[in-house]
Protein backbone atom coordinates (compact mmCIF):
# COMPACT_ATOMS: atom_id res chain seq x y z
CA MET A 1 0.00 0.00 0.00
CA LEU A 2 1.24 3.48 -0.84
CA PRO A 3 2.32 5.66 2.10
CA ARG A 4 -0.25 8.46 2.11
CA VAL A 5 0.29 12.01 3.30
CA TRP A 6 -2.47 14.60 3.46
CA LEU A 7 -2.55 18.37 4.02
CA VAL A 8 -5.98 19.27 5.36
CA GLY A 9 -6.81 22.53 7.07
CA GLY A 10 -3.12 23.36 7.11
CA ARG A 11 -2.42 20.21 9.13
CA LEU A 12 -0.23 17.30 8.02
CA VAL A 13 -1.93 13.91 8.39
CA GLU A 14 -0.50 10.49 7.59
CA GLY A 15 -2.55 7.37 7.05
CA VAL A 16 -4.96 5.68 4.68
CA SER A 17 -7.54 8.48 4.98
CA PRO A 18 -7.70 11.80 6.82
CA ILE A 19 -11.50 11.95 6.78
CA PRO A 20 -12.87 11.81 10.37
CA LEU A 21 -15.54 9.28 11.26
CA GLU A 22 -18.23 11.91 11.60
CA GLU A 23 -17.74 12.86 7.91
CA LEU A 24 -17.88 9.35 6.44
CA SER A 25 -21.62 9.62 5.84
CA ASP A 26 -20.91 12.82 3.90
CA LEU A 27 -18.38 10.90 1.80
CA GLU A 28 -20.98 8.27 0.98
CA ARG A 29 -23.49 10.98 0.05
CA LEU A 30 -20.94 12.76 -2.14
CA LEU A 31 -20.02 9.59 -4.02
CA LYS A 32 -23.66 8.60 -4.53
CA THR A 33 -24.49 12.05 -5.89
CA LEU A 34 -21.53 12.01 -8.28
CA MET A 35 -22.22 8.46 -9.45
CA SER A 36 -25.89 9.22 -10.06
CA ALA A 37 -24.97 12.30 -12.11
CA ALA A 38 -22.34 10.42 -14.15
CA GLU A 39 -24.83 7.67 -14.99
CA ARG A 40 -26.93 10.25 -16.84
CA ILE A 41 -24.14 10.87 -19.35
CA ASP A 42 -23.57 9.06 -22.62
CA PRO A 43 -19.94 9.97 -23.44
CA ASP A 44 -20.39 8.96 -27.09
CA ARG A 45 -23.01 11.65 -27.72
CA PRO A 46 -22.52 15.43 -27.67
CA LEU A 47 -23.27 16.67 -24.16
CA THR A 48 -25.30 19.51 -25.67
CA GLU A 49 -27.91 16.92 -26.72
CA GLN A 50 -28.37 15.44 -23.25
CA ASP A 51 -30.05 18.17 -21.14
CA LEU A 52 -27.15 18.45 -18.69
CA GLY A 53 -26.99 22.21 -18.26
CA GLU A 54 -27.52 22.11 -14.48
CA LEU A 55 -24.31 20.05 -14.17
CA ASP A 56 -22.21 22.55 -16.13
CA ILE A 57 -21.42 24.55 -12.97
CA GLY A 58 -18.30 25.22 -10.95
CA PHE A 59 -17.20 22.27 -8.84
CA ASP A 60 -16.94 24.41 -5.70
CA ARG A 61 -20.50 25.63 -6.23
CA PHE A 62 -21.64 22.00 -6.49
CA LEU A 63 -19.80 21.10 -3.27
CA ASP A 64 -21.26 24.08 -1.42
CA GLY A 65 -24.73 22.81 -2.22
CA LEU A 66 -24.01 19.47 -0.53
CA ARG A 67 -22.99 21.07 2.80
CA LEU A 68 -20.18 18.59 3.45
CA GLY A 69 -17.96 18.45 6.50
CA PRO A 70 -14.90 20.76 6.28
CA CYS A 71 -12.28 18.05 5.81
CA LEU A 72 -14.12 16.23 3.02
CA ARG A 73 -15.14 19.52 1.41
CA GLU A 74 -11.51 20.63 1.16
CA LEU A 75 -10.19 17.31 -0.13
CA ALA A 76 -12.94 16.99 -2.75
CA SER A 77 -12.09 20.44 -4.06
CA VAL A 78 -8.40 19.50 -4.22
CA VAL A 79 -9.14 16.33 -6.20
CA MET A 80 -11.11 18.32 -8.74
CA SER A 81 -8.38 20.95 -8.96
CA THR A 82 -5.76 18.33 -9.78
CA ALA A 83 -7.96 16.84 -12.50
CA ALA A 84 -8.82 20.21 -14.05
CA GLY A 85 -5.41 21.82 -13.69
CA ARG A 86 -7.04 24.95 -12.30
CA ASP A 87 -8.95 26.16 -9.26
CA ALA A 88 -12.05 24.04 -8.67
CA GLY A 89 -14.23 27.15 -8.58
CA ASP A 90 -13.32 27.80 -12.22
CA ALA A 91 -13.73 24.19 -13.42
CA SER A 92 -16.96 22.68 -14.70
CA LEU A 93 -18.41 19.72 -12.82
CA LEU A 94 -19.66 18.39 -16.16
CA TYR A 95 -16.05 18.22 -17.42
CA TRP A 96 -15.20 15.79 -14.60
CA LEU A 97 -18.45 13.81 -14.81
CA ARG A 98 -17.89 13.16 -18.52
CA GLN A 99 -14.53 11.58 -17.68
CA SER A 100 -16.25 9.48 -15.02
CA ALA A 101 -18.81 8.25 -17.53
CA ALA A 102 -16.09 7.44 -20.07
CA ALA A 103 -14.15 5.49 -17.44
CA GLY A 104 -17.22 3.45 -16.51
CA GLY A 105 -18.01 5.24 -13.27
CA VAL A 106 -16.68 7.63 -10.65
CA LEU A 107 -14.79 4.99 -8.69
CA ARG A 108 -13.13 3.64 -11.84
CA LEU A 109 -12.00 7.15 -12.78
CA LEU A 110 -10.46 7.66 -9.34
CA ALA A 111 -8.61 4.35 -9.73
CA VAL A 112 -7.29 5.03 -13.27
CA ASP A 113 -3.61 4.13 -13.60
CA ASN A 114 -2.20 6.45 -16.24
CA GLN A 115 0.59 4.72 -18.11
CA GLY A 116 3.54 6.57 -19.58
CA PHE A 117 5.66 5.83 -22.64
CA ARG A 118 8.87 3.93 -22.05
CA GLU A 119 10.74 6.09 -24.57
CA GLY A 120 8.78 9.28 -23.91
CA THR A 121 5.76 10.76 -25.65
CA VAL A 122 7.87 11.62 -28.70
CA SER A 123 8.08 7.88 -29.44
CA LEU A 124 4.35 7.91 -30.21
CA LEU A 125 4.78 10.83 -32.60
CA GLU A 126 7.72 9.12 -34.33
CA ALA A 127 5.73 5.91 -34.79
CA MET A 128 2.78 7.82 -36.25
CA LEU A 129 5.00 9.74 -38.66
CA THR A 130 6.70 6.53 -39.83
CA GLU A 131 3.42 4.73 -40.46
CA ALA A 132 1.71 7.71 -42.10
CA ASN A 133 4.60 8.46 -44.46
CA VAL A 134 4.00 12.21 -44.33
CA GLU A 135 6.26 15.24 -44.42
CA LEU A 136 6.76 17.13 -41.14
CA ARG A 137 7.65 20.83 -41.16
CA LEU A 138 9.03 22.41 -37.98
CA SER A 139 9.74 26.09 -37.20
CA CYS A 140 7.09 26.98 -39.75
CA PRO A 141 4.33 28.84 -37.86
CA VAL A 142 1.09 29.39 -39.76
CA ARG A 143 0.06 33.05 -40.12
CA ARG A 144 -3.05 32.85 -42.29
CA ILE A 145 -5.54 30.31 -43.66
CA GLU A 146 -7.58 31.34 -46.70
CA GLN A 147 -10.54 29.46 -48.14
CA ALA A 148 -12.19 32.21 -50.13
CA ALA A 149 -11.60 30.05 -53.21
CA GLU A 150 -10.47 26.51 -53.88
CA PRO A 151 -7.90 25.25 -52.93
CA VAL A 152 -7.46 26.23 -49.29
CA LYS A 153 -4.25 28.19 -48.75
CA VAL A 154 -2.11 27.93 -45.62
CA VAL A 155 0.32 30.84 -45.44
CA THR A 156 3.50 30.77 -43.35
CA ASP A 157 6.43 33.18 -43.10
CA ALA A 158 8.38 31.17 -45.67
CA GLU A 159 5.88 29.73 -48.12
CA CYS A 160 2.27 28.98 -48.98
CA PHE A 161 0.74 25.50 -48.99
CA GLU A 162 -2.41 24.55 -50.91
CA ALA A 163 -4.82 21.68 -50.27
CA ARG A 164 -8.42 20.70 -50.93
CA THR A 165 -9.07 20.61 -47.17
CA VAL A 166 -7.17 21.50 -44.01
CA VAL A 167 -7.20 19.99 -40.51
CA VAL A 168 -6.51 22.50 -37.72
CA THR A 169 -5.39 21.17 -34.32
CA ILE A 170 -4.35 24.51 -32.81
CA PRO A 171 -5.63 24.94 -29.23
CA SER A 172 -8.58 27.33 -29.18
CA GLY A 173 -6.74 29.83 -26.99
CA VAL A 174 -4.02 30.09 -29.65
CA LEU A 175 -6.29 30.33 -32.70
CA GLY A 176 -6.21 34.10 -32.36
CA GLN A 177 -2.60 34.07 -33.57
CA VAL A 178 -3.77 32.85 -36.99
CA GLU A 179 -5.77 35.01 -39.38
CA PHE A 180 -8.67 33.23 -41.07
CA GLU A 181 -10.30 34.35 -44.31
CA PRO A 182 -13.24 34.28 -44.03
CA ALA A 183 -13.21 34.82 -40.27
CA LEU A 184 -14.11 32.03 -37.89
CA GLY A 185 -17.64 31.80 -36.54
CA ASP A 186 -18.65 33.78 -33.47
CA ALA A 187 -18.62 30.73 -31.16
CA LYS A 188 -15.04 29.84 -32.02
CA LEU A 189 -13.96 33.46 -31.68
CA ARG A 190 -15.52 33.52 -28.21
CA ALA A 191 -13.55 30.39 -27.31
CA VAL A 192 -10.40 32.17 -28.49
CA ARG A 193 -11.12 35.08 -26.18
CA GLU A 194 -11.99 32.98 -23.13
CA SER A 195 -9.73 29.97 -23.65
CA HIS A 196 -10.37 26.88 -21.56
CA ALA A 197 -6.91 25.46 -21.07
CA GLY A 198 -5.63 24.46 -17.69
CA THR A 199 -3.47 26.90 -15.74
CA GLY A 200 -1.55 24.39 -13.67
CA VAL A 201 2.06 23.42 -13.17
CA LYS A 202 3.86 20.08 -13.32
CA VAL A 203 7.19 19.43 -11.66
CA TRP A 204 9.66 16.55 -11.70
CA ALA A 205 12.03 16.29 -8.76
CA ILE A 206 14.73 14.01 -7.36
CA VAL A 207 14.03 13.76 -3.66
CA GLN A 208 16.20 12.21 -0.98
CA GLY A 209 14.38 10.93 2.08
CA ALA A 210 11.08 10.33 0.27
CA PRO A 211 9.34 6.96 0.55
CA GLY A 212 9.78 4.70 -2.43
CA HIS A 213 6.00 4.62 -2.80
CA LEU A 214 4.20 7.84 -1.91
CA LEU A 215 0.94 9.63 -2.57
CA ALA A 216 0.54 13.15 -1.18
CA LEU A 217 -2.59 15.25 -1.56
CA GLY A 218 -3.74 18.58 -0.14
CA ARG A 219 -3.73 22.35 -0.37
CA GLY A 220 0.03 22.67 -0.32
CA PRO A 221 2.19 25.68 -1.26
CA GLY A 222 2.35 25.18 -5.02
CA LEU A 223 1.55 21.45 -5.28
CA ASP A 224 -1.83 19.82 -4.71
CA ILE A 225 -0.74 16.27 -5.45
CA ALA A 226 2.56 14.40 -5.72
CA TRP A 227 3.65 10.78 -5.98
CA THR A 228 6.79 8.75 -6.57
CA MET A 229 7.47 7.28 -10.00
CA GLY A 230 10.54 5.26 -9.05
CA GLU A 231 13.81 5.41 -7.17
CA ASP A 232 17.54 4.75 -7.53
CA GLU A 233 20.74 5.67 -5.71
CA ALA A 234 20.10 9.40 -6.35
CA GLY A 235 16.76 9.29 -4.55
CA SER A 236 13.08 9.04 -5.43
CA LEU A 237 11.67 10.48 -8.64
CA VAL A 238 8.63 12.53 -7.60
CA VAL A 239 6.09 14.09 -9.95
CA GLY A 240 3.75 16.76 -8.68
CA PHE A 241 0.93 18.95 -9.97
CA GLY A 242 -0.41 22.30 -8.81
CA ARG A 243 -3.42 24.28 -9.98
CA ASP A 244 -1.63 27.61 -10.46
CA SER A 245 1.52 27.93 -12.57
CA GLY A 246 2.09 31.35 -11.09
CA ALA A 247 2.44 29.88 -7.60
CA LEU A 248 5.43 27.62 -8.35
CA ASP A 249 8.44 27.81 -10.65
CA PRO A 250 9.25 24.13 -11.34
CA ASN A 251 12.89 25.04 -12.02
CA ASP A 252 13.38 26.88 -8.71
CA ARG A 253 14.81 24.26 -6.36
CA ALA A 254 14.13 26.31 -3.23
CA ALA A 255 10.47 26.78 -4.23
CA VAL A 256 10.06 23.10 -5.07
CA GLN A 257 11.73 22.24 -1.75
CA ARG A 258 9.06 24.27 0.07
CA ALA A 259 6.28 22.66 -1.94
CA ILE A 260 7.40 19.06 -1.39
CA GLY A 261 8.63 19.82 2.13
CA ALA A 262 5.08 20.72 3.11
CA TYR A 263 4.27 17.02 2.71
CA LEU A 264 7.69 15.56 3.56
CA PRO A 265 9.39 17.89 6.10
CA ASP A 266 12.54 15.76 6.35
CA ALA A 267 13.03 15.22 2.61
CA GLU A 268 15.54 17.08 0.46
CA VAL A 269 15.00 18.09 -3.18
CA THR A 270 18.33 17.70 -4.97
CA ALA A 271 17.15 18.46 -8.52
CA CYS A 272 13.96 19.58 -10.24
CA THR A 273 12.64 20.61 -13.62
CA GLY A 274 9.45 21.49 -15.46
CA TYR A 275 8.02 23.60 -18.25
CA ASP A 276 5.50 26.43 -18.07
CA TRP A 277 3.01 25.65 -20.84
CA THR A 278 0.84 28.60 -19.84
CA THR A 279 3.42 31.03 -21.29
CA ASP A 280 4.28 28.96 -24.38
CA ARG A 281 2.88 30.93 -27.32
CA TYR A 282 1.83 27.73 -29.09
CA ALA A 283 -0.02 26.32 -26.07
CA LEU A 284 -1.07 29.10 -23.64
CA GLY A 285 -2.13 26.49 -21.13
CA THR A 286 -2.00 22.84 -20.23
CA TRP A 287 -4.71 20.31 -21.08
CA PRO A 288 -8.35 21.29 -21.84
CA SER A 289 -10.17 22.40 -18.70
CA PHE A 290 -13.56 23.90 -19.35
CA LEU A 291 -14.99 26.82 -17.41
CA PRO A 292 -18.52 26.52 -16.01
CA GLY A 293 -21.03 26.85 -18.84
CA GLN A 294 -18.53 26.44 -21.68
CA ILE A 295 -19.28 22.80 -22.46
CA THR A 296 -23.03 23.12 -22.96
CA ARG A 297 -22.55 26.41 -24.81
CA ASP A 298 -19.51 25.80 -27.02
CA GLU A 299 -18.77 22.07 -27.25
CA ARG A 300 -20.39 21.59 -30.65
CA ALA A 301 -18.91 24.80 -32.05
CA LEU A 302 -15.35 23.87 -31.09
CA SER A 303 -15.39 20.77 -33.28
CA ALA A 304 -17.66 21.98 -36.08
CA PRO A 305 -16.05 22.29 -39.55
CA GLU A 306 -15.99 25.73 -41.13
CA GLY A 307 -16.12 25.46 -44.88
CA ARG A 308 -13.29 23.14 -45.92
CA ILE A 309 -11.47 23.50 -42.59
CA VAL A 310 -11.87 20.65 -40.08
CA PHE A 311 -10.95 21.01 -36.40
CA ALA A 312 -9.37 18.31 -34.22
CA GLY A 313 -7.39 18.03 -31.01
CA SER A 314 -8.06 16.79 -27.49
CA GLU A 315 -10.35 19.69 -26.61
CA THR A 316 -12.76 18.66 -29.40
CA ALA A 317 -13.07 15.04 -28.22
CA ARG A 318 -16.25 13.65 -26.71
CA ARG A 319 -15.00 10.88 -24.43
CA TRP A 320 -11.54 11.96 -23.29
CA PRO A 321 -10.92 15.69 -23.83
CA THR A 322 -7.77 16.03 -21.71
CA TYR A 323 -5.86 12.93 -22.73
CA ILE A 324 -3.86 11.74 -25.73
CA GLU A 325 -6.69 9.24 -26.15
CA GLY A 326 -9.02 12.17 -26.79
CA ALA A 327 -6.71 13.63 -29.43
CA ILE A 328 -6.64 10.27 -31.23
CA GLU A 329 -10.43 10.02 -30.98
CA SER A 330 -10.78 13.47 -32.54
CA GLY A 331 -8.50 12.39 -35.38
CA PHE A 332 -10.92 9.62 -36.35
CA ARG A 333 -13.79 12.10 -36.37
CA ALA A 334 -11.80 14.61 -38.42
CA ALA A 335 -10.91 11.88 -40.94
CA ARG A 336 -14.60 11.07 -41.42
CA GLU A 337 -15.40 14.75 -41.92
CA ILE A 338 -12.56 15.10 -44.45
CA ALA A 339 -13.87 12.06 -46.33
CA ASP A 340 -17.32 13.67 -46.51
CA LEU A 341 -15.86 16.92 -47.81
CA LEU A 342 -13.86 15.13 -50.51
CA ALA A 343 -16.66 12.81 -51.56
CA PRO A 344 -17.99 13.40 -55.13
């Protein structure tokens, strides 16, 4: 069993669960409410067709309505923050419930074991490029996409490409960096203005004095969750996530020491690293994390073709908008839409 460390109410607690006995009935009520809501969702259909508007609210607002005990209330908010990559008050409950439905239930989602790639994520990209036999252009940012006449033109700083159709996988928050002619529809432009990407931070650290198997969760200074991925003679490899990239520089060893030290006071961070995707001009955020109301209002618009331009990417997926799985799913949909556009 993993050693578990919790930060609740500013207090460090070790053990299987920090929830006091008097709040266990609240836990049961919370789980039943979430499971009942998730059972209403068919993840293979657009959520806009399923009369789920009352679930497209902030997670903290949902929790406030349940009047839970303080310990459970805080931990539930933390769990949602780690999933959304942003403060739970700014994250839609429907976003999380859709994942629960796709996983086969709330408890299955909480028990998901995310597997990494032995040779890194780039190994997936390399395999796809080899099998597809396509040409990859790097350092070639797109400035303009024109479809006033056939073919569609994709204009970069160096050259212009022409095609019968185009697939765009740019995150919605970054679409504003590309000029479209004719302009995108109002719903997509609104998504550009608001964005819905996560605002969190991810850090990797080598930690001496950390248990070989650890799970830490709570409202810590910069990190809401952390766990060990392995260990060797240098120490334990710890990965952690926080909801606010502005609260922690993953490359500042002293800051990461404070963040991990809140859970492990006797541990020492000897090395750390990370990347701030929220300031990357081609990302402007982490994974998709929808604001309250965005899913029921904009979900269909985000994935809808515009003329001969088709849109794909994890944020346009139905079952798993957050994961690589969702990006792959959206690729199948985009391929079907391209086939329809090219059909005689």
